[in-house]
Every structure is written in structure tokens, then in C-alpha cells.
Protein backbone atom coordinates (compact mmCIF):
# COMPACT_ATOMS: atom_id res chain seq x y z
CA MET A 1 -7.11 -5.03 35.19
CA ASP A 2 -5.48 -3.10 32.36
CA THR A 3 -4.35 -5.12 29.38
CA SER A 4 -2.08 -3.84 26.69
CA ASN A 5 -2.52 -4.52 23.02
CA HIS A 6 -0.18 -5.62 20.28
CA SER A 7 -0.47 -3.65 17.07
CA LEU A 8 0.23 -5.97 14.14
CA VAL A 9 0.48 -5.51 10.41
CA LEU A 10 -0.50 -8.53 8.32
CA THR A 11 0.39 -9.07 4.69
CA ILE A 12 -1.90 -11.64 3.10
CA LEU A 13 -1.64 -13.32 -0.29
CA GLY A 14 -3.58 -16.24 -1.70
CA GLN A 15 -6.02 -17.54 -4.25
CA ASP A 16 -9.06 -15.26 -4.14
CA ARG A 17 -12.30 -16.82 -2.94
CA PRO A 18 -15.57 -15.71 -1.32
CA GLY A 19 -15.41 -15.48 2.47
CA LEU A 20 -11.66 -14.93 2.69
CA VAL A 21 -11.90 -11.50 4.35
CA GLU A 22 -14.68 -12.71 6.64
CA SER A 23 -12.57 -15.61 7.89
CA LEU A 24 -9.73 -13.24 8.80
CA ALA A 25 -12.08 -10.68 10.37
CA SER A 26 -13.75 -13.42 12.44
CA LEU A 27 -10.41 -14.54 13.87
CA VAL A 28 -9.62 -10.98 14.89
CA LYS A 29 -13.03 -10.52 16.53
CA ASP A 30 -13.01 -13.97 18.18
CA HIS A 31 -9.78 -13.00 19.97
CA GLN A 32 -11.10 -9.61 21.14
CA GLY A 33 -9.01 -7.83 18.53
CA ASN A 34 -9.78 -4.75 16.53
CA TRP A 35 -9.46 -4.23 12.77
CA GLU A 36 -7.75 -0.83 12.50
CA GLU A 37 -6.96 -0.24 8.83
CA SER A 38 -6.65 -2.22 5.60
CA ARG A 39 -5.97 -2.15 1.88
CA MET A 40 -7.11 -5.11 -0.17
CA CYS A 41 -7.54 -5.98 -3.80
CA ARG A 42 -7.70 -8.75 -6.35
CA LEU A 43 -4.76 -8.92 -8.74
CA GLY A 44 -4.41 -11.66 -11.35
CA GLY A 45 -6.89 -13.91 -9.54
CA GLN A 46 -4.97 -13.55 -6.29
CA PHE A 47 -6.15 -11.82 -3.14
CA ALA A 48 -3.60 -9.34 -1.82
CA GLY A 49 -4.13 -7.46 1.40
CA ILE A 50 -2.46 -5.46 4.10
CA VAL A 51 -4.26 -5.18 7.44
CA GLN A 52 -3.39 -3.44 10.69
CA ILE A 53 -5.01 -4.97 13.76
CA THR A 54 -4.66 -4.78 17.51
CA ILE A 55 -4.86 -7.92 19.64
CA PRO A 56 -4.84 -7.93 23.47
CA ASP A 57 -1.77 -9.48 25.11
CA THR A 58 -4.02 -12.08 26.70
CA SER A 59 -5.26 -13.29 23.30
CA LEU A 60 -2.12 -12.96 21.19
CA GLU A 61 -0.80 -16.54 21.41
CA ALA A 62 -4.24 -18.06 20.81
CA TRP A 63 -4.74 -15.74 17.84
CA LYS A 64 -1.38 -16.75 16.35
CA GLU A 65 -2.35 -20.43 16.67
CA SER A 66 -5.71 -19.75 15.00
CA ILE A 67 -4.14 -17.86 12.12
CA GLN A 68 -2.21 -21.03 11.24
CA PHE A 69 -5.50 -22.59 10.08
CA LEU A 70 -5.84 -19.86 7.46
CA GLN A 71 -2.26 -20.48 6.38
CA GLN A 72 -3.01 -24.19 6.02
CA SER A 73 -5.89 -23.27 3.68
CA GLY A 74 -3.38 -21.80 1.23
CA LEU A 75 -2.98 -18.23 2.41
CA GLN A 76 0.46 -16.79 2.89
CA ILE A 77 0.37 -14.52 5.92
CA LEU A 78 3.29 -12.44 7.12
CA ILE A 79 2.89 -10.90 10.58
CA ALA A 80 4.95 -7.92 11.74
CA GLU A 81 4.78 -5.82 14.89
CA SER A 82 3.61 -2.33 14.02
CA SER A 83 6.20 0.35 14.63
CA VAL A 84 5.53 3.80 15.97
CA ALA A 85 4.57 6.15 13.17
CA SER A 86 7.19 8.69 12.15
CA ASP A 87 6.75 12.34 12.97
CA ASN A 88 5.14 13.87 9.89
CA SER A 89 4.78 17.33 11.46
CA LYS A 90 7.82 18.54 9.51
CA SER A 91 6.57 17.31 6.16
CA GLN A 92 3.65 17.82 3.82
CA THR A 93 1.43 15.38 2.01
CA ALA A 94 1.00 15.68 -1.75
CA VAL A 95 -0.81 13.67 -4.41
CA PHE A 96 0.20 13.13 -7.98
CA GLU A 97 -1.40 11.30 -10.87
CA ILE A 98 0.26 9.78 -13.90
CA ILE A 99 -1.34 8.88 -17.21
CA GLY A 100 0.22 7.83 -20.46
CA GLN A 101 0.98 5.03 -22.86
CA ASP A 102 2.11 1.99 -20.90
CA GLN A 103 5.80 1.16 -21.11
CA PRO A 104 8.44 -0.45 -18.92
CA GLY A 105 10.11 1.78 -16.34
CA ILE A 106 7.43 4.33 -15.47
CA ILE A 107 7.23 3.42 -11.77
CA GLN A 108 11.00 2.89 -11.53
CA ASN A 109 11.77 6.34 -12.97
CA ILE A 110 9.21 8.11 -10.78
CA SER A 111 10.20 6.26 -7.60
CA SER A 112 13.87 6.98 -8.29
CA ALA A 113 13.16 10.72 -8.47
CA LEU A 114 11.13 10.56 -5.27
CA ALA A 115 13.87 8.66 -3.44
CA LYS A 116 16.48 11.17 -4.63
CA HIS A 117 14.49 13.89 -2.83
CA GLU A 118 13.80 11.64 0.21
CA VAL A 119 10.08 11.67 -0.54
CA ASN A 120 8.23 8.76 1.06
CA VAL A 121 5.43 6.97 -0.80
CA ASN A 122 2.47 6.57 1.57
CA GLU A 123 0.17 4.95 -0.96
CA LEU A 124 0.44 4.00 -4.62
CA SER A 125 -2.14 2.47 -6.93
CA SER A 126 -1.72 1.78 -10.62
CA GLU A 127 -3.50 0.05 -13.45
CA CYS A 128 -3.26 -0.63 -17.16
CA SER A 129 -6.35 -0.40 -19.32
CA SER A 130 -7.25 0.01 -22.94
CA ALA A 131 -6.97 3.61 -24.16
CA PRO A 132 -10.36 4.82 -25.43
CA TRP A 133 -8.95 6.63 -28.46
CA SER A 134 -6.49 3.99 -29.69
CA GLY A 135 -7.15 0.75 -27.84
CA GLY A 136 -3.45 0.65 -26.86
CA PRO A 137 -2.35 0.03 -23.29
CA LEU A 138 -2.92 3.07 -21.06
CA PHE A 139 -1.05 3.35 -17.75
CA LYS A 140 -2.64 5.23 -14.86
CA ALA A 141 -1.23 5.72 -11.36
CA ARG A 142 -2.07 7.76 -8.29
CA ALA A 143 0.35 8.29 -5.44
CA GLU A 144 0.12 9.97 -2.07
CA VAL A 145 3.56 11.01 -0.88
CA GLN A 146 5.13 12.61 2.18
CA ILE A 147 7.51 15.44 1.24
CA PRO A 148 10.09 16.45 3.87
CA SER A 149 10.15 20.13 4.84
CA ASP A 150 13.70 20.56 3.56
CA CYS A 151 12.87 19.23 0.08
CA ASP A 152 13.33 21.63 -2.83
CA ILE A 153 9.84 21.20 -4.28
CA SER A 154 10.62 23.15 -7.44
CA GLN A 155 13.54 20.81 -8.15
CA LEU A 156 11.31 17.79 -7.45
CA ARG A 157 8.74 19.16 -9.91
CA ASN A 158 11.48 19.75 -12.49
CA ASP A 159 12.74 16.19 -12.10
CA LEU A 160 9.22 14.77 -12.47
CA GLU A 161 8.52 16.98 -15.51
CA ARG A 162 11.79 15.84 -17.12
CA ILE A 163 10.75 12.20 -16.62
CA ALA A 164 7.28 12.94 -17.99
CA ALA A 165 8.75 14.51 -21.12
CA HIS A 166 11.20 11.65 -21.64
CA LEU A 167 8.51 8.95 -21.21
CA MET A 168 5.79 11.00 -22.95
CA ILE A 169 3.43 10.74 -19.99
CA ASP A 170 1.42 13.34 -18.10
CA ILE A 171 2.11 13.92 -14.38
CA GLN A 172 -0.29 16.11 -12.38
CA PHE A 173 1.39 17.11 -9.13
CA ASN A 174 -0.77 18.65 -6.38
């Protein structure tokens, strides 16, 4: 008998504690599910995670009931059906890194330029740390983006370079 699976994306937020990931992974396994992909981190003492799983149709309702126990323990869990991935065959992936003195508006300015060129952000990570030479706040970010085939890449580079000059940050675009 062939069973179909539900592909789900979970967004999880809650007070970080040992065993949190294990409790979620156990519920997936206990309901014959599969852990497909995830991104997790600790931010400000909170656990933040995004997980893609597949659960068989026959186990879905029982899994949803079980997940309520984790929610009762203080986790906020948002469940969404996974959509079919877009066709990226007509686009290219690029990576860029940002470094500079921390200041308000860096991500907003960069993301605005990307949106203007219809560039999609696949993954973004950022952090602030103490600059080794001055001790001041140093902003670092790394982004993987999907650039559509009809994007004028030289204009995108110009826009990013203009932002970098205005904010006095360095952007390495690969």
C-alpha cells in the first residue's frame, strides 16, 4: 500500500534548553517522519529554528496532536505545508559578504537593493562583534541569493557599491 507524505516547514521559537532539538526529532521519528533540512541557532537566550520534515498521511494527525505537548512546554511552533520549489534553472546563485562598523539600516539598504532587482535571499546570517582594532561594534553578514537571468548584474553591483560607499562598509560580491 502506497502512502503519500506531507512536507511541512516548522518555525520554532522558545527558551533555549538542553534536549529541545531531541524532543522535536523524537516526535518526527516516532511518527515515521523524516527530518529533511533545518537551520537552528541560539539568539538572545532563545532557541530559533526552521525545520523541513515529511510525515506520512497515516501519521499526520497523531503527529499534530503530539506536537501540542511541545507547545505546552513553552515552545511556539508554526506549521506550514511546504510548497513546490520554484524553478531556479533560469537564475544563478551568488554569495556576498558584508563587513563594517555596525549601524542602523545596513540590512534594510542591502535588502532594498536586492528587491529592486528581484533578487531572492535564500539564506542570510549576520552578527555583531567587537572589532579587533578598535573594540567598536563590527557588523558581519553573509548572504546567498538567487539572481534572475534577466537581472542587470552590473547595475546590481553598482547599487551595492553605492550603498557600501554611503554606509562605509565593505561588500564582497561573488
